[in-house]
Protein backbone atom coordinates (compact mmCIF):
# COMPACT_ATOMS: atom_id res chain seq x y z
CA MET A 1 10.90 26.79 13.76
CA ALA A 2 9.48 23.81 15.88
CA SER A 3 6.25 23.50 13.20
CA ASP A 4 8.75 23.90 10.31
CA LYS A 5 10.48 20.75 11.32
CA ALA A 6 7.35 18.93 12.13
CA LYS A 7 6.38 19.68 8.03
CA PRO A 8 7.74 16.60 6.60
CA CYS A 9 6.11 14.21 9.05
CA GLU A 10 2.82 15.43 7.48
CA LEU A 11 4.03 13.79 4.22
CA ASN A 12 4.91 10.31 5.51
CA GLN A 13 2.71 8.79 3.13
CA ASP A 14 3.42 5.21 4.57
CA LYS A 15 0.22 6.18 6.55
CA TYR A 16 -2.25 5.66 3.52
CA ASP A 17 -1.29 1.65 3.59
CA ALA A 18 -3.50 1.79 7.05
CA ASP A 19 -7.16 0.93 6.54
CA ASP A 20 -8.52 3.98 8.07
CA ASN A 21 -6.65 6.71 5.91
CA VAL A 22 -7.47 7.68 2.28
CA LYS A 23 -5.74 10.45 0.09
CA ILE A 24 -7.62 12.08 -2.52
CA ILE A 25 -6.36 14.50 -4.72
CA CYS A 26 -7.37 17.30 -6.84
CA LEU A 27 -6.19 18.22 -10.25
CA GLY A 28 -6.96 21.00 -12.70
CA ASP A 29 -5.89 24.55 -14.02
CA SER A 30 -5.11 27.35 -11.68
CA ALA A 31 -8.15 29.49 -10.79
CA VAL A 32 -11.01 26.79 -11.19
CA GLY A 33 -11.88 26.59 -7.73
CA LYS A 34 -10.67 23.51 -6.39
CA SER A 35 -9.52 25.52 -3.04
CA LYS A 36 -13.08 27.36 -2.76
CA LEU A 37 -14.47 23.92 -3.43
CA MET A 38 -13.03 21.95 -0.16
CA GLU A 39 -13.31 25.42 1.73
CA ARG A 40 -16.85 25.02 0.94
CA PHE A 41 -17.43 21.43 1.86
CA LEU A 42 -15.14 21.66 5.03
CA MET A 43 -16.58 25.29 6.23
CA ASP A 44 -15.66 26.02 9.63
CA GLY A 45 -14.01 22.38 10.32
CA PHE A 46 -11.32 22.49 8.38
CA GLN A 47 -7.12 23.55 8.95
CA PRO A 48 -5.87 23.65 5.62
CA GLN A 49 -1.79 23.03 6.18
CA GLN A 50 0.54 25.24 3.76
CA LEU A 51 3.50 22.86 2.74
CA SER A 52 5.17 25.52 0.74
CA THR A 53 8.54 23.22 0.79
CA TYR A 54 5.94 20.53 -1.20
CA ALA A 55 3.98 23.15 -3.21
CA LEU A 56 0.83 21.68 -1.71
CA THR A 57 -2.09 22.37 0.89
CA LEU A 58 -3.33 19.40 3.10
CA TYR A 59 -6.58 19.62 4.01
CA LYS A 60 -7.92 17.13 6.91
CA HIS A 61 -11.14 15.67 7.17
CA THR A 62 -12.96 12.70 9.27
CA ALA A 63 -16.15 10.74 7.46
CA THR A 64 -17.96 8.17 8.49
CA VAL A 65 -18.62 5.45 5.72
CA ASP A 66 -20.59 2.26 6.48
CA GLY A 67 -20.29 2.89 10.07
CA LYS A 68 -16.75 3.34 10.17
CA THR A 69 -14.50 6.03 10.90
CA VAL A 70 -12.09 7.49 7.72
CA LEU A 71 -9.76 9.64 8.35
CA VAL A 72 -9.63 11.72 4.74
CA ASP A 73 -6.52 13.91 3.68
CA PHE A 74 -7.05 15.77 0.59
CA TRP A 75 -4.70 17.13 -1.49
CA ASP A 76 -4.34 20.47 -3.31
CA THR A 77 -2.36 21.83 -5.80
CA ALA A 78 -1.14 25.10 -4.46
CA GLY A 79 -0.28 26.53 -7.32
CA GLN A 80 1.88 23.86 -8.85
CA GLU A 81 -0.31 23.28 -11.71
CA ARG A 82 0.80 26.58 -12.94
CA PHE A 83 3.31 24.37 -14.52
CA GLN A 84 1.07 21.88 -16.54
CA SER A 85 2.50 19.10 -14.48
CA MET A 86 2.53 18.01 -10.95
CA HIS A 87 5.78 16.11 -8.71
CA ALA A 88 5.18 12.19 -9.20
CA SER A 89 4.64 12.23 -4.91
CA TYR A 90 1.39 14.14 -5.53
CA TYR A 91 0.16 10.86 -7.20
CA HIS A 92 1.48 8.41 -5.08
CA LYS A 93 -0.55 6.39 -3.00
CA ALA A 94 -3.75 8.07 -4.25
CA HIS A 95 -7.10 6.84 -3.93
CA ALA A 96 -9.30 8.93 -5.73
CA CYS A 97 -9.27 12.03 -7.87
CA ILE A 98 -11.21 14.91 -8.18
CA MET A 99 -10.52 16.83 -11.56
CA VAL A 100 -12.01 20.32 -12.00
CA PHE A 101 -12.75 22.82 -14.92
CA ASP A 102 -13.99 26.07 -14.81
CA VAL A 103 -17.38 26.43 -16.93
CA GLN A 104 -16.81 29.94 -18.14
CA ARG A 105 -12.92 29.20 -19.38
CA LYS A 106 -13.11 26.66 -22.21
CA VAL A 107 -9.23 26.49 -21.79
CA THR A 108 -9.73 25.00 -18.55
CA TYR A 109 -11.64 22.45 -20.18
CA LYS A 110 -9.74 21.59 -22.91
CA ASN A 111 -6.59 20.89 -20.65
CA LEU A 112 -8.86 18.27 -18.43
CA SER A 113 -6.98 15.55 -21.30
CA THR A 114 -3.20 16.79 -20.31
CA TRP A 115 -4.07 16.20 -16.97
CA TYR A 116 -6.33 12.93 -17.00
CA THR A 117 -3.20 11.61 -19.25
CA GLU A 118 -0.56 12.54 -16.72
CA LEU A 119 -2.88 10.87 -13.99
CA ARG A 120 -3.32 7.61 -15.72
CA GLU A 121 0.75 7.44 -16.35
CA PHE A 122 0.98 7.23 -12.10
CA ARG A 123 -2.52 5.99 -11.23
CA PRO A 124 -4.05 4.13 -13.80
CA GLU A 125 -7.06 2.73 -11.65
CA ILE A 126 -8.31 5.04 -9.35
CA PRO A 127 -11.57 6.18 -9.33
CA CYS A 128 -12.06 9.99 -11.33
CA ILE A 129 -14.63 12.44 -10.93
CA VAL A 130 -15.09 15.38 -13.49
CA VAL A 131 -16.35 18.70 -11.87
CA ALA A 132 -18.07 21.34 -13.80
CA ASN A 133 -17.47 24.73 -11.35
CA LYS A 134 -18.82 27.95 -11.06
CA ILE A 135 -22.59 26.92 -12.48
CA ASP A 136 -23.93 30.16 -10.73
CA ALA A 137 -22.30 32.14 -12.95
CA ASP A 138 -24.22 30.69 -15.87
CA VAL A 139 -27.24 27.84 -14.88
CA LYS A 140 -27.42 26.89 -18.82
CA MET A 141 -24.19 25.31 -18.89
CA THR A 142 -25.75 22.29 -16.91
CA GLN A 143 -27.78 21.70 -20.29
CA LYS A 144 -24.62 21.19 -21.91
CA SER A 145 -22.87 17.60 -22.93
CA PHE A 146 -19.33 17.67 -21.93
CA ASN A 147 -17.92 14.58 -23.96
CA PHE A 148 -14.48 14.28 -21.90
CA ALA A 149 -16.55 12.28 -19.14
CA ARG A 150 -18.52 10.53 -21.41
CA LYS A 151 -15.19 9.40 -23.40
CA PHE A 152 -13.52 8.32 -20.74
CA SER A 153 -16.61 7.00 -18.73
CA LEU A 154 -16.03 9.10 -15.79
CA PRO A 155 -19.04 10.86 -13.47
CA LEU A 156 -19.58 14.37 -14.09
CA TYR A 157 -21.15 16.75 -11.16
CA PHE A 158 -22.25 20.52 -11.79
CA VAL A 159 -21.01 22.22 -8.73
CA SER A 160 -20.91 25.94 -7.36
CA ALA A 161 -18.14 27.04 -4.40
CA ALA A 162 -20.15 29.94 -4.97
CA ASP A 163 -23.94 28.69 -3.64
CA GLY A 164 -22.73 25.21 -2.40
CA THR A 165 -24.51 23.71 -5.50
CA ASN A 166 -23.87 19.84 -5.30
CA VAL A 167 -20.46 20.36 -3.19
CA VAL A 168 -21.37 18.54 -0.09
CA LYS A 169 -22.47 15.32 -2.86
CA LEU A 170 -18.92 15.60 -4.59
CA PHE A 171 -17.23 15.24 -1.68
CA ASN A 172 -18.97 12.63 -0.41
CA ASP A 173 -18.92 10.30 -3.16
CA ALA A 174 -15.80 10.70 -4.10
CA ILE A 175 -14.64 9.43 -0.47
CA ARG A 176 -17.00 6.69 -0.73
CA LEU A 177 -15.68 6.04 -4.05
CA ALA A 178 -12.03 5.91 -2.58
CA VAL A 179 -12.69 4.17 0.27
CA SER A 180 -14.01 1.15 -2.32
CA TYR A 181 -10.96 1.27 -4.22
CA LYS A 182 -8.67 0.87 -1.43
CA HIS A 183 -10.89 -2.08 -0.16
CA ASN A 184 -10.79 -3.99 -3.29
CA SER A 185 -8.71 -2.42 -6.14
CA GLN A 186 -6.13 -4.79 -7.55
CA ASP A 187 -3.95 -1.53 -9.09
CA PHE A 188 -1.61 -2.73 -11.04
CA MET A 189 1.00 0.04 -9.78
CA ASP A 190 0.26 -0.73 -6.55
CA GLU A 191 1.52 -4.52 -6.80
CA VAL A 192 4.78 -2.72 -9.01
CA LEU A 193 5.50 -0.18 -6.21
CA GLN A 194 5.18 -2.92 -3.56
CA GLU A 195 7.11 -5.60 -5.28
CA LEU A 196 9.87 -2.88 -5.71
CA GLU A 197 9.00 -2.37 -2.07
CA ASN A 198 9.97 -6.14 -1.18
CA PHE A 199 12.66 -6.46 -3.46
CA ASP A 200 14.53 -3.51 -1.70
CA LEU A 201 14.21 -5.39 1.41
CA GLU A 202 15.46 -8.58 0.53
CA GLN A 203 18.63 -6.65 -1.00
CA THR A 204 19.38 -4.82 2.16
CA GLU A 205 19.21 -8.45 3.91
CA GLU A 206 21.55 -9.80 1.58
CA GLU A 207 23.87 -7.38 1.78
CA VAL A 208 23.92 -7.38 5.38
CA PRO A 209 25.78 -10.97 5.76
CA ASP A 210 27.60 -10.63 2.52
CA GLN A 211 29.66 -7.50 3.71
CA ALA A 212 30.16 -9.15 7.29
CA GLN A 213 31.61 -12.22 5.18
CA ARG A 214 33.66 -10.03 3.46
CA GLY A 215 34.77 -8.43 6.26
CA ASN A 216 35.70 -11.96 7.80
CA THR A 217 37.64 -13.35 4.76
CA GLU A 218 39.75 -9.81 4.47
CA SER A 219 40.97 -10.16 7.68
CA PRO A 220 44.69 -10.53 7.97
CA SER A 221 45.76 -13.86 9.71
CA PRO A 222 47.70 -13.72 13.12
CA SER A 223 51.47 -13.89 12.12
């Protein structure tokens, strides 16, 4: 029971404002291998946390980028993608996205456009990597031209969660992109959210003295 109460603390997204903490989200249809890719990358050093209340799985990782230690949270959909849409909080404060499809299932490739549209609705500027998974089943797929990545000028990685091909490179590059974005971005949505937070603070500060003044005004004078 104690562990259950502690779970919501893991979703305090204010921590992603810190310089040494980044959030990377994974998108794509069910069974394209998102979780398997993470487990392959992290191998024995991962402790996935099933947060069933929020329908997601967190994978924590510590990386070194340019000599500095970076704490990375990888967010996985944990089945939420069945509904072809994610909750807005899944995208909130994300610094990079890994979008996966299965080279053996055309429908998962076609659905990339839906995922990408939703991603850009919430995170217009964050770097996004397109991942063609399961190439071990058909190596010829690496010779194919996938126009989706080219259309949106996105990097395309051919990987295999089964045998590990390009998995380490994929995640290390995603971490570097996330860190670079965090330190250099002028994301419009980030600015809007910051303005809203500042506005809420100002409103709260204005209401407190206003209420106190009203209380003094309404106090009956002694007879």
